[in-house]
N, C-alpha and C. Protein backbone atom coordinates (compact mmCIF):
# COMPACT_ATOMS: atom_id res chain seq x y z
N UNK A 1 0.83 -1.17 0.00
CA UNK A 1 0.00 0.00 0.00
C UNK A 1 0.89 1.24 0.00
N UNK A 2 0.63 2.17 -0.89
CA UNK A 2 1.42 3.38 -1.01
C UNK A 2 1.18 4.30 0.18
N UNK A 3 2.22 5.02 0.57
CA UNK A 3 2.11 5.97 1.67
C UNK A 3 1.17 7.11 1.28
N UNK A 4 0.41 7.58 2.26
CA UNK A 4 -0.54 8.66 1.99
C UNK A 4 -0.03 10.00 2.51
N UNK A 5 1.18 10.02 3.05
CA UNK A 5 1.79 11.24 3.58
C UNK A 5 3.22 11.35 3.05
N UNK A 6 3.79 12.56 3.04
CA UNK A 6 5.17 12.72 2.60
C UNK A 6 6.15 12.13 3.61
N UNK A 7 7.40 12.03 3.21
CA UNK A 7 8.41 11.45 4.10
C UNK A 7 9.78 12.04 3.79
N UNK A 8 10.68 11.82 4.74
CA UNK A 8 12.07 12.20 4.57
C UNK A 8 12.93 11.06 5.08
N UNK A 9 13.99 10.75 4.35
CA UNK A 9 14.94 9.69 4.73
C UNK A 9 16.26 10.36 5.12
N UNK A 10 16.79 9.95 6.29
CA UNK A 10 18.09 10.45 6.75
C UNK A 10 19.06 9.28 6.68
N UNK A 11 20.13 9.43 5.89
CA UNK A 11 21.13 8.38 5.69
C UNK A 11 22.36 8.68 6.53
N UNK A 12 22.82 7.65 7.27
CA UNK A 12 23.99 7.76 8.12
C UNK A 12 25.06 6.76 7.70
N UNK A 13 26.28 6.94 8.24
CA UNK A 13 27.38 6.01 7.93
C UNK A 13 28.25 5.84 9.17
N UNK A 14 28.77 4.63 9.34
CA UNK A 14 29.79 4.36 10.34
C UNK A 14 30.61 3.16 9.88
N UNK A 15 31.66 2.83 10.63
CA UNK A 15 32.50 1.70 10.27
C UNK A 15 31.88 0.43 10.84
N UNK A 16 31.68 -0.55 9.95
CA UNK A 16 31.09 -1.83 10.32
C UNK A 16 31.88 -2.93 9.65
N UNK A 17 32.41 -3.85 10.43
CA UNK A 17 33.24 -4.95 9.92
C UNK A 17 34.36 -4.41 9.04
N UNK A 18 35.00 -3.38 9.55
CA UNK A 18 36.18 -2.77 8.94
C UNK A 18 35.92 -2.13 7.58
N UNK A 19 34.70 -1.73 7.33
CA UNK A 19 34.38 -1.00 6.10
C UNK A 19 33.31 0.03 6.42
N UNK A 20 33.22 1.07 5.62
CA UNK A 20 32.19 2.08 5.83
C UNK A 20 30.84 1.51 5.42
N UNK A 21 29.85 1.67 6.27
CA UNK A 21 28.53 1.10 6.02
C UNK A 21 27.48 2.18 6.22
N UNK A 22 26.51 2.22 5.31
CA UNK A 22 25.43 3.21 5.40
C UNK A 22 24.11 2.54 5.80
N UNK A 23 23.30 3.26 6.54
CA UNK A 23 21.94 2.85 6.84
C UNK A 23 21.09 4.10 6.95
N UNK A 24 19.78 3.93 6.97
CA UNK A 24 18.92 5.10 7.00
C UNK A 24 17.66 4.85 7.81
N UNK A 25 17.01 5.94 8.15
CA UNK A 25 15.69 5.93 8.77
C UNK A 25 14.79 6.80 7.91
N UNK A 26 13.57 6.30 7.67
CA UNK A 26 12.61 7.08 6.89
C UNK A 26 11.46 7.48 7.81
N UNK A 27 11.14 8.77 7.79
CA UNK A 27 10.12 9.33 8.66
C UNK A 27 8.97 9.88 7.82
N UNK A 28 7.77 9.37 8.05
CA UNK A 28 6.56 9.87 7.41
C UNK A 28 5.97 10.94 8.31
N UNK A 29 5.33 11.95 7.71
CA UNK A 29 4.86 13.05 8.55
C UNK A 29 3.62 13.73 8.00
N UNK A 30 2.88 14.35 8.92
CA UNK A 30 1.75 15.24 8.62
C UNK A 30 2.26 16.68 8.70
N UNK A 31 1.46 17.61 8.23
CA UNK A 31 1.79 19.03 8.36
C UNK A 31 1.96 19.73 7.04
N UNK A 32 1.89 18.97 5.96
CA UNK A 32 2.04 19.56 4.64
C UNK A 32 3.31 19.13 3.97
N UNK A 33 3.46 19.56 2.73
CA UNK A 33 4.65 19.25 1.94
C UNK A 33 5.42 20.54 1.72
N UNK A 34 6.71 20.57 2.03
CA UNK A 34 7.48 21.77 1.73
C UNK A 34 7.29 22.16 0.26
N UNK A 35 7.13 23.45 0.01
CA UNK A 35 6.71 23.92 -1.31
C UNK A 35 7.81 23.96 -2.36
N UNK A 36 9.07 23.91 -1.94
CA UNK A 36 10.18 23.96 -2.89
C UNK A 36 11.42 23.37 -2.24
N UNK A 37 12.50 23.28 -3.01
CA UNK A 37 13.74 22.67 -2.49
C UNK A 37 14.28 23.42 -1.29
N UNK A 38 14.19 24.74 -1.30
CA UNK A 38 14.68 25.53 -0.16
C UNK A 38 13.94 25.15 1.12
N UNK A 39 12.62 24.99 1.03
CA UNK A 39 11.85 24.61 2.21
C UNK A 39 12.11 23.17 2.63
N UNK A 40 12.28 22.27 1.66
CA UNK A 40 12.68 20.90 2.00
C UNK A 40 14.02 20.92 2.75
N UNK A 41 14.96 21.71 2.26
CA UNK A 41 16.29 21.77 2.91
C UNK A 41 16.19 22.32 4.32
N UNK A 42 15.31 23.29 4.54
CA UNK A 42 15.12 23.83 5.90
C UNK A 42 14.60 22.74 6.83
N UNK A 43 13.64 21.93 6.35
CA UNK A 43 13.14 20.83 7.17
C UNK A 43 14.24 19.80 7.42
N UNK A 44 15.00 19.47 6.40
CA UNK A 44 16.09 18.50 6.55
C UNK A 44 17.14 19.01 7.54
N UNK A 45 17.46 20.30 7.47
CA UNK A 45 18.41 20.88 8.42
C UNK A 45 17.90 20.76 9.85
N UNK A 46 16.62 21.04 10.05
CA UNK A 46 16.05 20.95 11.40
C UNK A 46 16.13 19.51 11.92
N UNK A 47 15.80 18.55 11.07
CA UNK A 47 15.84 17.15 11.49
C UNK A 47 17.25 16.68 11.79
N UNK A 48 18.19 16.98 10.91
CA UNK A 48 19.56 16.51 11.12
C UNK A 48 20.23 17.21 12.30
N UNK A 49 19.84 18.45 12.58
CA UNK A 49 20.41 19.14 13.74
C UNK A 49 20.00 18.49 15.05
N UNK A 50 18.82 17.90 15.08
CA UNK A 50 18.41 17.16 16.29
C UNK A 50 19.00 15.76 16.26
N UNK A 51 18.94 15.12 15.10
CA UNK A 51 19.38 13.72 15.01
C UNK A 51 20.87 13.55 15.30
N UNK A 52 21.69 14.51 14.92
CA UNK A 52 23.14 14.35 15.14
C UNK A 52 23.50 14.29 16.62
N UNK A 53 22.62 14.76 17.49
CA UNK A 53 22.90 14.72 18.93
C UNK A 53 22.74 13.32 19.51
N UNK A 54 22.25 12.36 18.71
CA UNK A 54 22.02 11.00 19.19
C UNK A 54 23.25 10.11 19.05
N UNK A 55 24.28 10.54 18.33
CA UNK A 55 25.47 9.71 18.09
C UNK A 55 26.74 10.45 18.47
N UNK A 56 27.79 9.64 18.68
CA UNK A 56 29.11 10.23 18.85
C UNK A 56 29.74 10.45 17.47
N UNK A 57 30.96 10.91 17.44
CA UNK A 57 31.61 11.28 16.18
C UNK A 57 31.87 10.10 15.24
N UNK A 58 31.70 8.86 15.71
CA UNK A 58 31.90 7.69 14.84
C UNK A 58 30.80 7.55 13.80
N UNK A 59 29.67 8.23 14.00
CA UNK A 59 28.55 8.19 13.06
C UNK A 59 28.43 9.53 12.36
N UNK A 60 28.25 9.50 11.05
CA UNK A 60 28.13 10.72 10.25
C UNK A 60 26.82 10.70 9.47
N UNK A 61 26.09 11.81 9.51
CA UNK A 61 24.90 11.97 8.67
C UNK A 61 25.37 12.40 7.29
N UNK A 62 24.96 11.65 6.26
CA UNK A 62 25.44 11.88 4.90
C UNK A 62 24.44 12.58 3.98
N UNK A 63 23.15 12.28 4.16
CA UNK A 63 22.18 12.70 3.16
C UNK A 63 20.79 12.74 3.77
N UNK A 64 20.00 13.67 3.27
CA UNK A 64 18.56 13.69 3.55
C UNK A 64 17.85 13.72 2.20
N UNK A 65 16.79 12.95 2.10
CA UNK A 65 16.04 12.83 0.85
C UNK A 65 14.55 12.98 1.16
N UNK A 66 13.87 13.84 0.41
CA UNK A 66 12.45 14.09 0.62
C UNK A 66 11.59 13.44 -0.45
N UNK A 67 10.42 12.95 -0.04
CA UNK A 67 9.50 12.26 -0.94
C UNK A 67 8.09 12.80 -0.73
N UNK A 68 7.36 12.97 -1.81
CA UNK A 68 5.94 13.31 -1.70
C UNK A 68 5.15 12.04 -1.38
N UNK A 69 3.93 12.20 -0.94
CA UNK A 69 3.08 11.06 -0.57
C UNK A 69 2.93 10.10 -1.74
N UNK A 70 3.04 8.81 -1.44
CA UNK A 70 2.80 7.78 -2.44
C UNK A 70 3.90 7.57 -3.45
N UNK A 71 5.07 8.17 -3.23
CA UNK A 71 6.13 8.09 -4.22
C UNK A 71 7.46 7.70 -3.59
N UNK A 72 8.25 6.92 -4.31
CA UNK A 72 9.62 6.65 -3.92
C UNK A 72 10.60 7.38 -4.82
N UNK A 73 10.10 8.35 -5.57
CA UNK A 73 10.93 9.20 -6.40
C UNK A 73 11.25 10.47 -5.60
N UNK A 74 12.51 10.73 -5.32
CA UNK A 74 12.85 11.90 -4.51
C UNK A 74 12.45 13.20 -5.20
N UNK A 75 11.97 14.15 -4.40
CA UNK A 75 11.66 15.48 -4.91
C UNK A 75 12.68 16.50 -4.42
N UNK A 76 13.47 16.13 -3.41
CA UNK A 76 14.51 17.01 -2.89
C UNK A 76 15.54 16.17 -2.17
N UNK A 77 16.77 16.62 -2.18
CA UNK A 77 17.82 15.94 -1.42
C UNK A 77 18.89 16.96 -1.04
N UNK A 78 19.62 16.63 0.00
CA UNK A 78 20.70 17.50 0.45
C UNK A 78 21.80 16.64 1.05
N UNK A 79 23.04 16.87 0.63
CA UNK A 79 24.19 16.15 1.15
C UNK A 79 24.67 16.81 2.43
N UNK A 80 25.13 15.98 3.35
CA UNK A 80 25.66 16.46 4.63
C UNK A 80 26.98 15.75 4.92
N UNK A 81 27.68 16.29 5.86
CA UNK A 81 28.83 15.63 6.47
C UNK A 81 28.83 16.03 7.93
N UNK A 82 27.76 15.59 8.63
CA UNK A 82 27.55 15.97 10.03
C UNK A 82 27.96 14.84 10.95
N UNK A 83 29.03 15.03 11.68
CA UNK A 83 29.43 14.05 12.68
C UNK A 83 28.53 14.15 13.89
N UNK A 84 28.33 13.02 14.54
CA UNK A 84 27.54 13.01 15.76
C UNK A 84 28.19 13.88 16.82
N UNK A 85 27.38 14.47 17.68
CA UNK A 85 27.89 15.40 18.70
C UNK A 85 27.71 14.86 20.12
N UNK A 86 27.20 13.64 20.27
CA UNK A 86 26.99 13.07 21.60
C UNK A 86 28.32 12.76 22.25
N UNK A 87 28.52 13.27 23.44
CA UNK A 87 29.72 12.95 24.22
C UNK A 87 29.29 11.96 25.29
N UNK A 88 29.22 10.70 24.90
CA UNK A 88 28.64 9.67 25.76
C UNK A 88 29.67 9.01 26.66
N UNK A 89 29.22 8.64 27.85
CA UNK A 89 30.04 7.83 28.74
C UNK A 89 29.83 6.35 28.45
N UNK A 90 28.96 6.05 27.50
CA UNK A 90 28.64 4.67 27.16
C UNK A 90 29.74 3.99 26.37
N UNK A 91 29.67 2.67 26.35
CA UNK A 91 30.64 1.86 25.62
C UNK A 91 30.09 1.51 24.25
N UNK A 92 30.97 1.44 23.26
CA UNK A 92 30.58 1.12 21.90
C UNK A 92 30.10 -0.32 21.81
N UNK A 93 29.04 -0.54 21.04
CA UNK A 93 28.50 -1.87 20.82
C UNK A 93 28.74 -2.29 19.37
N UNK A 94 28.61 -3.57 19.05
CA UNK A 94 28.75 -4.00 17.66
C UNK A 94 27.74 -3.29 16.76
N UNK A 95 28.04 -3.19 15.48
CA UNK A 95 27.25 -2.41 14.54
C UNK A 95 25.80 -2.82 14.41
N UNK A 96 25.49 -4.12 14.53
CA UNK A 96 24.11 -4.55 14.40
C UNK A 96 23.26 -4.23 15.63
N UNK A 97 23.91 -3.87 16.72
CA UNK A 97 23.17 -3.47 17.92
C UNK A 97 22.55 -2.10 17.65
N UNK A 98 21.34 -1.91 18.16
CA UNK A 98 20.62 -0.67 17.86
C UNK A 98 19.75 -0.25 19.03
N UNK A 99 19.64 1.06 19.18
CA UNK A 99 18.65 1.62 20.10
C UNK A 99 17.32 1.63 19.37
N UNK A 100 16.23 1.56 20.12
CA UNK A 100 14.91 1.47 19.51
C UNK A 100 14.01 2.58 20.04
N UNK A 101 13.46 3.35 19.11
CA UNK A 101 12.44 4.35 19.42
C UNK A 101 11.11 3.80 18.93
N UNK A 102 10.18 3.61 19.86
CA UNK A 102 8.84 3.11 19.51
C UNK A 102 7.85 4.24 19.73
N UNK A 103 7.10 4.57 18.67
CA UNK A 103 6.15 5.67 18.75
C UNK A 103 4.73 5.14 18.56
N UNK A 104 3.88 5.40 19.54
CA UNK A 104 2.48 5.00 19.47
C UNK A 104 1.74 5.93 18.51
N UNK A 105 0.73 5.39 17.84
CA UNK A 105 -0.09 6.21 16.94
C UNK A 105 -1.56 6.11 17.36
N UNK A 106 -2.38 6.92 16.72
CA UNK A 106 -3.82 6.86 16.96
C UNK A 106 -4.51 5.80 16.11
N UNK A 107 -3.73 4.99 15.40
CA UNK A 107 -4.29 3.98 14.50
C UNK A 107 -4.43 2.61 15.16
N UNK A 108 -5.33 1.82 14.60
CA UNK A 108 -5.54 0.43 15.01
C UNK A 108 -5.53 -0.45 13.77
N UNK A 109 -5.03 -1.66 13.92
CA UNK A 109 -5.01 -2.61 12.81
C UNK A 109 -6.41 -3.18 12.59
N UNK A 110 -6.54 -3.98 11.54
CA UNK A 110 -7.83 -4.62 11.27
C UNK A 110 -8.21 -5.60 12.38
N UNK A 111 -7.22 -6.02 13.18
CA UNK A 111 -7.49 -6.89 14.33
C UNK A 111 -7.56 -6.09 15.63
N UNK A 112 -7.67 -4.76 15.49
CA UNK A 112 -7.80 -3.84 16.61
C UNK A 112 -6.55 -3.76 17.49
N UNK A 113 -5.39 -4.05 16.92
CA UNK A 113 -4.15 -3.90 17.65
C UNK A 113 -3.60 -2.50 17.41
N UNK A 114 -2.91 -1.92 18.40
CA UNK A 114 -2.33 -0.58 18.20
C UNK A 114 -1.26 -0.61 17.11
N UNK A 115 -1.15 0.48 16.37
CA UNK A 115 -0.13 0.61 15.32
C UNK A 115 0.99 1.49 15.86
N UNK A 116 2.22 1.05 15.68
CA UNK A 116 3.39 1.78 16.15
C UNK A 116 4.29 2.13 14.97
N UNK A 117 5.09 3.16 15.15
CA UNK A 117 6.19 3.48 14.24
C UNK A 117 7.48 3.13 14.99
N UNK A 118 8.35 2.36 14.37
CA UNK A 118 9.60 1.95 14.99
C UNK A 118 10.78 2.56 14.24
N UNK A 119 11.77 3.03 14.98
CA UNK A 119 13.02 3.50 14.39
C UNK A 119 14.17 2.83 15.12
N UNK A 120 15.05 2.19 14.36
CA UNK A 120 16.23 1.54 14.92
C UNK A 120 17.43 2.43 14.64
N UNK A 121 18.21 2.70 15.68
CA UNK A 121 19.37 3.59 15.55
C UNK A 121 20.64 2.81 15.90
N UNK A 122 21.45 2.55 14.88
CA UNK A 122 22.73 1.88 15.10
C UNK A 122 23.70 2.86 15.74
N UNK A 123 24.84 2.36 16.16
CA UNK A 123 25.76 3.21 16.91
C UNK A 123 25.33 3.33 18.36
N UNK A 124 24.64 2.29 18.85
CA UNK A 124 24.14 2.30 20.23
C UNK A 124 25.29 2.25 21.21
N UNK A 125 25.11 2.95 22.31
CA UNK A 125 26.10 2.98 23.39
C UNK A 125 25.54 2.22 24.60
N UNK A 126 26.39 1.37 25.17
CA UNK A 126 26.00 0.58 26.34
C UNK A 126 26.35 1.33 27.61
N UNK A 127 25.45 1.27 28.58
CA UNK A 127 25.67 1.91 29.88
C UNK A 127 26.89 1.28 30.54
N UNK A 128 27.93 2.06 30.76
CA UNK A 128 29.19 1.54 31.29
C UNK A 128 29.15 1.27 32.78
N UNK A 129 28.14 1.77 33.48
CA UNK A 129 28.07 1.59 34.93
C UNK A 129 27.01 0.58 35.36
N UNK A 130 26.35 -0.04 34.41
CA UNK A 130 25.27 -0.98 34.72
C UNK A 130 25.77 -2.41 34.74
N UNK A 131 25.12 -3.22 35.56
CA UNK A 131 25.41 -4.65 35.57
C UNK A 131 24.76 -5.35 34.38
N UNK A 132 23.85 -4.66 33.70
CA UNK A 132 23.16 -5.22 32.55
C UNK A 132 23.96 -4.92 31.28
N UNK A 133 24.41 -5.94 30.59
CA UNK A 133 25.25 -5.78 29.41
C UNK A 133 24.54 -5.15 28.23
N UNK A 134 23.20 -5.11 28.26
CA UNK A 134 22.46 -4.60 27.11
C UNK A 134 21.65 -3.34 27.43
N UNK A 135 22.00 -2.64 28.51
CA UNK A 135 21.28 -1.42 28.88
C UNK A 135 21.83 -0.24 28.08
N UNK A 136 20.94 0.50 27.44
CA UNK A 136 21.32 1.67 26.64
C UNK A 136 21.87 2.76 27.56
N UNK A 137 22.93 3.42 27.14
CA UNK A 137 23.51 4.52 27.92
C UNK A 137 22.46 5.61 28.13
N UNK A 138 22.39 6.13 29.35
CA UNK A 138 21.35 7.10 29.70
C UNK A 138 21.42 8.36 28.85
N UNK A 139 22.63 8.83 28.54
CA UNK A 139 22.76 10.07 27.76
C UNK A 139 22.24 9.88 26.33
N UNK A 140 22.49 8.72 25.74
CA UNK A 140 21.97 8.45 24.40
C UNK A 140 20.46 8.24 24.44
N UNK A 141 20.00 7.57 25.46
CA UNK A 141 18.55 7.36 25.61
C UNK A 141 17.82 8.70 25.72
N UNK A 142 18.40 9.62 26.47
CA UNK A 142 17.81 10.97 26.61
C UNK A 142 17.79 11.69 25.27
N UNK A 143 18.90 11.62 24.52
CA UNK A 143 18.98 12.31 23.22
C UNK A 143 17.94 11.76 22.24
N UNK A 144 17.76 10.45 22.22
CA UNK A 144 16.76 9.85 21.34
C UNK A 144 15.36 10.27 21.79
N UNK A 145 15.15 10.37 23.09
CA UNK A 145 13.87 10.83 23.61
C UNK A 145 13.55 12.26 23.20
N UNK A 146 14.56 13.11 23.16
CA UNK A 146 14.35 14.49 22.69
C UNK A 146 13.87 14.49 21.25
N UNK A 147 14.45 13.62 20.43
CA UNK A 147 14.04 13.52 19.03
C UNK A 147 12.60 13.01 18.93
N UNK A 148 12.27 11.98 19.71
CA UNK A 148 10.91 11.47 19.72
C UNK A 148 9.91 12.53 20.14
N UNK A 149 10.24 13.29 21.19
CA UNK A 149 9.35 14.34 21.66
C UNK A 149 9.15 15.42 20.61
N UNK A 150 10.23 15.75 19.88
CA UNK A 150 10.12 16.77 18.83
C UNK A 150 9.15 16.32 17.74
N UNK A 151 9.20 15.04 17.37
CA UNK A 151 8.28 14.53 16.35
C UNK A 151 6.83 14.56 16.82
N UNK A 152 6.61 14.35 18.12
CA UNK A 152 5.24 14.38 18.65
C UNK A 152 4.70 15.81 18.68
N UNK A 153 5.52 16.75 19.18
CA UNK A 153 5.04 18.13 19.31
C UNK A 153 5.08 18.88 17.99
N UNK A 154 5.93 18.45 17.07
CA UNK A 154 6.03 19.09 15.76
C UNK A 154 7.34 19.81 15.56
N UNK A 155 7.92 19.62 14.40
CA UNK A 155 9.18 20.26 14.03
C UNK A 155 8.84 21.30 12.97
N UNK A 156 8.99 22.57 13.33
CA UNK A 156 8.61 23.66 12.44
C UNK A 156 9.82 24.12 11.64
N UNK A 157 9.70 23.99 10.33
CA UNK A 157 10.77 24.41 9.41
C UNK A 157 10.23 24.32 7.99
N UNK A 158 10.75 25.14 7.12
CA UNK A 158 10.38 25.07 5.71
C UNK A 158 8.92 25.39 5.44
N UNK A 159 8.32 26.20 6.28
CA UNK A 159 6.94 26.60 6.06
C UNK A 159 5.89 25.61 6.53
N UNK A 160 6.30 24.54 7.22
CA UNK A 160 5.35 23.55 7.74
C UNK A 160 5.73 23.21 9.18
N UNK A 161 4.81 22.56 9.88
CA UNK A 161 5.12 21.95 11.16
C UNK A 161 4.87 20.45 10.99
N UNK A 162 5.96 19.70 10.92
CA UNK A 162 5.90 18.27 10.65
C UNK A 162 5.74 17.49 11.95
N UNK A 163 4.70 16.65 12.00
CA UNK A 163 4.53 15.70 13.09
C UNK A 163 4.57 14.30 12.49
N UNK A 164 5.20 13.40 13.18
CA UNK A 164 5.42 12.07 12.62
C UNK A 164 4.11 11.29 12.51
N UNK A 165 4.07 10.43 11.51
CA UNK A 165 2.92 9.54 11.32
C UNK A 165 3.41 8.22 10.74
N UNK A 166 2.50 7.28 10.66
CA UNK A 166 2.78 6.04 9.94
C UNK A 166 2.65 6.32 8.45
N UNK A 167 3.14 5.43 7.59
CA UNK A 167 2.96 5.64 6.15
C UNK A 167 1.49 5.77 5.74
N UNK A 168 0.60 5.15 6.52
CA UNK A 168 -0.84 5.22 6.22
C UNK A 168 -1.51 6.45 6.83
N UNK A 169 -0.72 7.32 7.48
CA UNK A 169 -1.25 8.58 7.98
C UNK A 169 -1.73 8.58 9.42
N UNK A 170 -1.43 7.54 10.20
CA UNK A 170 -1.80 7.53 11.62
C UNK A 170 -0.85 8.45 12.39
N UNK A 171 -1.37 9.41 13.08
CA UNK A 171 -0.56 10.39 13.82
C UNK A 171 0.05 9.77 15.07
N UNK A 172 1.32 10.12 15.35
CA UNK A 172 1.95 9.65 16.58
C UNK A 172 1.34 10.39 17.76
N UNK A 173 1.22 9.67 18.87
CA UNK A 173 0.63 10.25 20.07
C UNK A 173 1.60 10.22 21.25
N UNK A 174 2.68 9.49 21.14
CA UNK A 174 3.66 9.38 22.21
C UNK A 174 4.84 8.55 21.76
N UNK A 175 5.82 8.43 22.62
CA UNK A 175 7.02 7.68 22.26
C UNK A 175 7.61 7.00 23.48
N UNK A 176 8.43 5.99 23.22
CA UNK A 176 9.18 5.30 24.25
C UNK A 176 10.54 4.92 23.66
N UNK A 177 11.60 5.27 24.36
CA UNK A 177 12.93 4.81 23.99
C UNK A 177 13.18 3.56 24.83
N UNK A 178 13.35 2.44 24.17
CA UNK A 178 13.54 1.18 24.90
C UNK A 178 14.78 1.27 25.78
N UNK A 179 14.67 0.72 26.98
CA UNK A 179 15.75 0.76 27.96
C UNK A 179 16.94 -0.10 27.52
N UNK A 180 16.61 -1.18 26.81
CA UNK A 180 17.66 -2.13 26.44
C UNK A 180 17.97 -2.08 24.95
N UNK A 181 19.21 -2.30 24.64
CA UNK A 181 19.69 -2.33 23.25
C UNK A 181 19.11 -3.56 22.57
N UNK A 182 18.72 -3.38 21.32
CA UNK A 182 18.16 -4.48 20.55
C UNK A 182 19.08 -4.76 19.36
N UNK A 183 18.60 -5.46 18.36
CA UNK A 183 19.43 -5.92 17.26
C UNK A 183 18.66 -5.78 15.95
N UNK A 184 19.35 -5.35 14.92
CA UNK A 184 18.76 -5.34 13.57
C UNK A 184 19.87 -5.67 12.59
N UNK A 185 19.68 -6.73 11.80
CA UNK A 185 20.68 -7.13 10.82
C UNK A 185 20.74 -6.14 9.67
N UNK A 186 21.90 -5.97 9.13
CA UNK A 186 22.06 -5.23 7.89
C UNK A 186 21.87 -6.20 6.74
N UNK A 187 21.05 -5.83 5.79
CA UNK A 187 20.82 -6.71 4.64
C UNK A 187 22.11 -6.89 3.85
N UNK A 188 22.32 -8.11 3.41
CA UNK A 188 23.46 -8.39 2.54
C UNK A 188 24.79 -8.52 3.24
N UNK A 189 24.81 -8.59 4.57
CA UNK A 189 26.08 -8.77 5.26
C UNK A 189 26.15 -10.15 5.87
N UNK A 190 27.34 -10.71 5.95
CA UNK A 190 27.53 -12.01 6.55
C UNK A 190 28.71 -11.93 7.50
N UNK A 191 28.87 -12.93 8.31
CA UNK A 191 29.97 -12.99 9.26
C UNK A 191 31.01 -14.00 8.82
N UNK A 192 31.15 -14.21 7.52
CA UNK A 192 32.09 -15.20 7.00
C UNK A 192 33.49 -14.64 7.02
């Protein structure tokens, strides 16, 4: 099913298995469509300025790409070279380890289950003072929470106020940054 709202994809890079590896997060949103490339770039700048606070310097934001509703053809893009600014006391985890932002929406499935938006963030930092080996560092958890809160309240830039939604247009109503680090495989990678 095609998305009914516009979206923006933020592409990041870090070193994984001794090579540079890219991954991205795509965010669907309500609030309108930026009217031109300048306005798309203003929205992308606002998003990347918040997102860069979630990682340390080992992660770099490379690109933002904007899409109109129902399309995978980009209508705007902007290159970046933004290193993460988080000064974490946490310990580095393997590349497939990820922090998880879960955002509740006002939508329900056909089986009446709640619909969530999930974002996985690689470059997760482990809490160095915890007895739990998989506890997310508090400073990174806070930074991801700030990003989640911004999406709920709205990010104003480029002539719109963007609030996150599902691809089907369900508005986010809240967020939770999972306490524990989770895992997401990178497609096409092996441990051979």
